[in-house]
Amino acid sequence: MVRQQSELIGFWIAWHQAGGFHALEMAGWNRATIYRKLRLFRTEFGNHPDEHDFDWLKLNLSKCWTGELLDALGADRAATSKARKK
């Protein structure tokens, strides 16, 4: 029970961090896996990941997404800088 719940909480985090079904799929998740996890999540927690909140766990998605964006921009700037030096 604890193992399954922890895996589903991880799925809930991934769902929100990625931005939902399509984003998980674009990140390489298999459609069947996503559907299976959704079914298990609904069975275990009673509703869809979009509708569910854990009162003991809060996600700071804007910080997460901003950090990823800044990292990506930094990598792009570094590559551009190296290309200009050549």
Protein backbone atom coordinates (compact mmCIF):
# COMPACT_ATOMS: atom_id res chain seq x y z
CA MET A 1 0.00 0.00 0.00
CA VAL A 2 2.74 2.51 0.91
CA ARG A 3 4.75 1.66 -2.20
CA GLN A 4 1.77 2.11 -4.52
CA GLN A 5 0.75 5.37 -2.84
CA SER A 6 4.27 6.77 -3.05
CA GLU A 7 4.47 5.87 -6.76
CA LEU A 8 1.13 7.54 -7.38
CA ILE A 9 2.16 10.65 -5.45
CA GLY A 10 5.24 10.74 -7.68
CA PHE A 11 2.94 10.45 -10.70
CA TRP A 12 0.83 13.34 -9.33
CA ILE A 13 3.99 15.47 -9.03
CA ALA A 14 5.14 14.50 -12.53
CA TRP A 15 1.65 15.24 -13.91
CA HIS A 16 1.68 18.77 -12.52
CA GLN A 17 5.35 19.44 -13.16
CA ALA A 18 5.06 18.40 -16.81
CA GLY A 19 1.68 20.03 -17.35
CA GLY A 20 -0.64 17.07 -17.91
CA PHE A 21 -1.16 14.16 -20.26
CA HIS A 22 0.21 15.61 -23.49
CA ALA A 23 3.34 16.96 -21.81
CA LEU A 24 4.07 13.60 -20.17
CA GLU A 25 3.60 11.91 -23.51
CA MET A 26 5.92 14.40 -25.21
CA ALA A 27 8.47 13.75 -22.45
CA GLY A 28 8.54 10.08 -23.44
CA TRP A 29 5.90 8.48 -21.24
CA ASN A 30 3.97 5.70 -22.95
CA ARG A 31 0.25 6.48 -23.41
CA ALA A 32 -0.74 3.15 -21.86
CA THR A 33 1.39 3.90 -18.80
CA ILE A 34 -0.23 7.31 -18.37
CA TYR A 35 -3.74 5.84 -18.67
CA ARG A 36 -2.84 3.04 -16.23
CA LYS A 37 -1.45 5.52 -13.70
CA LEU A 38 -4.55 7.72 -14.09
CA ARG A 39 -6.82 4.73 -13.43
CA LEU A 40 -4.79 3.68 -10.39
CA PHE A 41 -4.68 7.25 -9.09
CA ARG A 42 -8.46 7.60 -9.33
CA THR A 43 -8.94 4.24 -7.62
CA GLU A 44 -6.54 5.09 -4.78
CA PHE A 45 -7.34 8.77 -4.20
CA GLY A 46 -10.87 9.11 -5.56
CA ASN A 47 -10.34 11.68 -8.29
CA HIS A 48 -8.21 12.87 -11.21
CA PRO A 49 -4.73 14.36 -10.54
CA ASP A 50 -5.99 17.77 -11.78
CA GLU A 51 -8.73 17.71 -9.14
CA HIS A 52 -6.73 16.26 -6.27
CA ASP A 53 -4.72 18.16 -3.68
CA PHE A 54 -2.65 16.75 -0.88
CA ASP A 55 -3.12 19.13 2.06
CA TRP A 56 0.35 18.21 3.32
CA LEU A 57 2.15 18.74 -0.02
CA LYS A 58 2.30 21.97 -2.01
CA LEU A 59 3.95 22.38 -5.38
CA ASN A 60 5.63 25.61 -6.39
CA LEU A 61 5.21 25.09 -10.13
CA SER A 62 6.05 28.64 -11.13
CA LYS A 63 9.42 28.31 -9.39
CA CYS A 64 9.95 24.91 -10.99
CA TRP A 65 9.00 26.08 -14.48
CA THR A 66 10.94 29.33 -14.14
CA GLY A 67 14.03 27.43 -13.03
CA GLU A 68 13.78 25.07 -16.00
CA LEU A 69 13.30 28.00 -18.36
CA LEU A 70 16.29 29.88 -16.93
CA ASP A 71 18.42 26.73 -17.15
CA ALA A 72 17.40 26.27 -20.79
CA LEU A 73 18.09 29.92 -21.57
CA GLY A 74 21.46 29.68 -19.86
CA ALA A 75 22.38 26.62 -21.92
CA ASP A 76 21.28 28.39 -25.11
CA ARG A 77 23.31 31.48 -24.22
CA ALA A 78 26.38 29.37 -23.48
CA ALA A 79 26.08 27.56 -26.83
CA THR A 80 25.58 30.86 -28.66
CA SER A 81 28.58 32.37 -26.90
CA LYS A 82 30.79 29.42 -27.85
CA ALA A 83 29.60 29.59 -31.46
CA ARG A 84 30.44 33.30 -31.68
CA LYS A 85 33.96 32.71 -30.39
CA LYS A 86 34.75 30.24 -33.18
